[in-house]
Protein backbone atom coordinates (compact mmCIF):
# COMPACT_ATOMS: atom_id res chain seq x y z
CA MET A 1 13.13 -11.84 -27.04
CA PHE A 2 13.61 -12.72 -23.14
CA ASP A 3 17.07 -11.87 -21.86
CA ILE A 4 17.95 -12.80 -18.54
CA ARG A 5 21.14 -10.60 -17.85
CA ILE A 6 18.51 -7.87 -16.94
CA PHE A 7 17.68 -9.63 -14.21
CA SER A 8 21.08 -10.67 -12.77
CA ARG A 9 21.60 -7.68 -10.89
CA MET A 10 18.18 -7.39 -9.52
CA PRO A 11 17.57 -7.98 -5.63
CA GLU A 12 15.80 -11.57 -4.99
CA GLU A 13 12.54 -10.48 -4.24
CA LYS A 14 12.38 -7.87 -7.09
CA ARG A 15 13.30 -10.67 -9.24
CA TYR A 16 10.49 -12.57 -8.27
CA GLU A 17 7.97 -9.98 -8.57
CA ASN A 18 8.94 -10.07 -12.02
CA MET A 19 8.61 -13.57 -12.51
CA ALA A 20 4.83 -13.39 -11.40
CA ILE A 21 4.16 -10.17 -13.60
CA MET A 22 5.80 -12.28 -16.58
CA LEU A 23 4.13 -15.53 -15.44
CA LYS A 24 1.16 -13.77 -15.72
CA GLY A 25 1.28 -12.13 -19.12
CA MET A 26 2.48 -15.54 -20.80
CA LEU A 27 -0.63 -17.32 -19.25
CA GLN A 28 -3.34 -14.84 -20.27
CA GLU A 29 -1.70 -14.89 -23.61
CA GLU A 30 -1.57 -18.29 -24.57
CA LYS A 31 -4.60 -20.88 -24.32
CA ASP A 32 -2.75 -24.01 -24.83
CA THR A 33 -2.35 -25.67 -21.60
CA LEU A 34 0.69 -27.69 -22.54
CA THR A 35 2.19 -24.49 -24.03
CA GLN A 36 1.38 -22.86 -20.84
CA LEU A 37 3.18 -25.12 -18.63
CA CYS A 38 6.29 -25.66 -21.05
CA ASN A 39 6.84 -21.70 -20.84
CA ALA A 40 6.22 -21.81 -16.94
CA SER A 41 8.87 -24.40 -15.92
CA ALA A 42 11.01 -22.43 -18.42
CA LEU A 43 10.32 -18.95 -16.85
CA ILE A 44 10.47 -20.30 -13.32
CA ASN A 45 13.71 -22.31 -14.04
CA ALA A 46 15.67 -19.44 -15.64
CA LEU A 47 14.47 -16.47 -13.16
CA LEU A 48 14.84 -18.94 -9.88
CA GLY A 49 18.44 -19.57 -10.81
CA ARG A 50 20.77 -22.28 -9.30
CA VAL A 51 18.31 -24.98 -9.80
CA ASN A 52 19.22 -28.37 -12.03
CA TRP A 53 15.51 -29.01 -12.50
CA CYS A 54 12.14 -27.46 -12.85
CA GLY A 55 8.79 -28.94 -13.97
CA PHE A 56 5.77 -30.44 -13.63
CA TYR A 57 4.03 -33.47 -12.79
CA LEU A 58 0.50 -34.21 -13.39
CA MET A 59 -1.92 -36.40 -11.63
CA LYS A 60 -3.49 -39.04 -13.85
CA GLN A 61 -5.27 -42.23 -13.13
CA GLU A 62 -4.14 -41.48 -9.22
CA GLU A 63 -0.32 -41.35 -9.57
CA LEU A 64 1.94 -38.47 -10.95
CA VAL A 65 3.44 -38.44 -14.23
CA LEU A 66 5.73 -36.23 -15.72
CA GLY A 67 4.86 -33.42 -17.68
CA PRO A 68 6.61 -30.00 -18.69
CA PHE A 69 10.16 -29.96 -17.43
CA GLN A 70 13.58 -28.09 -18.26
CA GLY A 71 16.68 -30.41 -16.84
CA MET A 72 17.80 -34.03 -16.96
CA PRO A 73 15.78 -36.87 -17.94
CA ALA A 74 13.31 -37.59 -14.58
CA CYS A 75 11.56 -40.45 -13.22
CA THR A 76 8.25 -40.52 -15.45
CA ARG A 77 5.71 -42.06 -12.66
CA ILE A 78 5.38 -41.41 -9.06
CA GLN A 79 2.90 -42.61 -6.96
CA VAL A 80 1.16 -40.24 -4.51
CA GLY A 81 2.76 -40.64 -0.94
CA LYS A 82 6.21 -41.85 -2.21
CA GLY A 83 8.84 -39.25 -2.34
CA VAL A 84 8.92 -35.43 -1.66
CA CYS A 85 6.27 -34.99 -4.80
CA GLY A 86 4.11 -37.73 -3.99
CA THR A 87 4.12 -36.49 -0.32
CA ALA A 88 3.11 -33.00 -1.76
CA ALA A 89 0.57 -34.38 -3.30
CA LYS A 90 -0.77 -36.83 -0.52
CA THR A 91 -0.51 -34.07 2.36
CA ARG A 92 -1.56 -30.74 -0.24
CA GLU A 93 1.54 -28.91 1.20
CA THR A 94 4.35 -27.11 0.25
CA MET A 95 7.45 -29.35 1.11
CA LEU A 96 10.60 -27.52 1.55
CA ILE A 97 13.54 -29.83 1.92
CA LYS A 98 17.27 -28.76 2.73
CA ASN A 99 18.94 -31.85 2.24
CA VAL A 100 16.78 -34.54 0.60
CA HIS A 101 19.32 -37.10 1.72
CA GLU A 102 17.52 -36.88 4.79
CA PHE A 103 14.23 -36.96 3.52
CA GLU A 104 13.12 -40.96 4.14
CA GLY A 105 12.07 -42.08 1.09
CA HIS A 106 13.19 -39.54 -1.59
CA ILE A 107 13.27 -40.58 -5.14
CA ALA A 108 16.38 -39.83 -6.84
CA CYS A 109 15.96 -38.92 -10.12
CA ASP A 110 19.08 -36.82 -10.44
CA ALA A 111 22.16 -37.78 -8.58
CA ALA A 112 23.35 -34.41 -8.45
CA THR A 113 20.37 -32.62 -6.43
CA ASN A 114 20.91 -31.92 -2.89
CA SER A 115 17.67 -29.76 -2.18
CA GLU A 116 14.04 -29.51 -3.17
CA ILE A 117 10.59 -27.54 -3.21
CA VAL A 118 7.98 -29.14 -4.11
CA LEU A 119 4.68 -27.69 -4.24
CA PRO A 120 0.76 -29.37 -4.90
CA ILE A 121 -1.31 -27.83 -7.24
CA VAL A 122 -4.71 -28.11 -5.89
CA LYS A 123 -7.78 -26.04 -7.21
CA ASN A 124 -11.32 -26.34 -6.20
CA GLY A 125 -10.52 -29.53 -3.50
CA VAL A 126 -9.03 -31.16 -6.57
CA VAL A 127 -5.00 -32.14 -6.61
CA TYR A 128 -3.99 -31.98 -10.22
CA GLY A 129 -0.36 -32.50 -9.96
CA VAL A 130 3.04 -30.38 -8.42
CA LEU A 131 5.59 -28.28 -9.53
CA ASP A 132 8.78 -29.45 -8.60
CA ILE A 133 12.26 -27.97 -8.20
CA ASP A 134 15.81 -29.13 -7.48
CA SER A 135 19.03 -27.65 -6.87
CA GLU A 136 22.63 -29.26 -6.32
CA GLU A 137 22.74 -26.93 -3.69
CA LEU A 138 22.11 -28.15 0.24
CA GLY A 139 19.51 -25.38 1.77
CA ARG A 140 18.85 -23.86 -1.60
CA PHE A 141 15.36 -22.74 -1.21
CA THR A 142 14.15 -20.55 1.62
CA GLU A 143 10.65 -18.76 2.91
CA ILE A 144 11.29 -16.16 0.18
CA GLU A 145 11.08 -18.89 -2.62
CA LYS A 146 8.35 -20.85 -1.09
CA ARG A 147 6.05 -17.68 -0.64
CA SER A 148 6.69 -16.47 -4.82
CA LEU A 149 6.60 -19.92 -5.85
CA GLU A 150 3.07 -20.33 -4.05
CA GLY A 151 1.78 -17.09 -5.82
CA CYS A 152 3.26 -18.70 -9.25
CA VAL A 153 0.96 -21.51 -8.50
CA GLU A 154 -2.18 -19.38 -7.60
CA LEU A 155 -1.50 -17.78 -11.18
CA LEU A 156 -1.28 -21.03 -12.70
CA ASN A 157 -4.46 -22.25 -11.50
CA GLN A 158 -6.24 -18.86 -12.33
CA TYR A 159 -5.31 -19.28 -16.33
CA VAL A 160 -4.88 -23.13 -16.44
CA ASP A 161 -7.21 -25.55 -17.41
CA TRP A 162 -5.92 -28.33 -15.46
CA GLU A 163 -9.13 -30.73 -16.65
CA LYS A 164 -7.50 -30.80 -20.32
CA LEU A 165 -4.17 -32.17 -18.68
CA CYS A 166 -5.14 -34.31 -15.64
CA ARG A 167 -7.25 -37.23 -14.42
């Protein structure tokens, strides 16, 4: 059973360390790739806190297609190079956007979103998608989240068979 309350008094970095430990356990124990991503988005959404959307866009036929997520309905397809997600996929760099309204070409799926962090999922030189997380708060994401979430993407790359879901 999962009880989010045990994390409420934990310092931020300790909570993120626990998130990585739990994510690794979830990924190791499950071999179905879709189930892995569903639980990964749920765990990250719960432990990150103060987010209104958390999920994956997966590369299929050279565009990003909506994958497992937590939050309001979202854009279903994003072209590589477009918006924050498409830019992260194209540049292969984490995009930490403190104010999405100042990002030229931002694609607004949820009008409540004000900040965003998008992490490219790259394994063996191949872009398989992105992990996209939005918040209603301006400046919500910091270097602490960036490092922690990049660690989560590394764990995903160890245990998820991206070839089953992408391309």
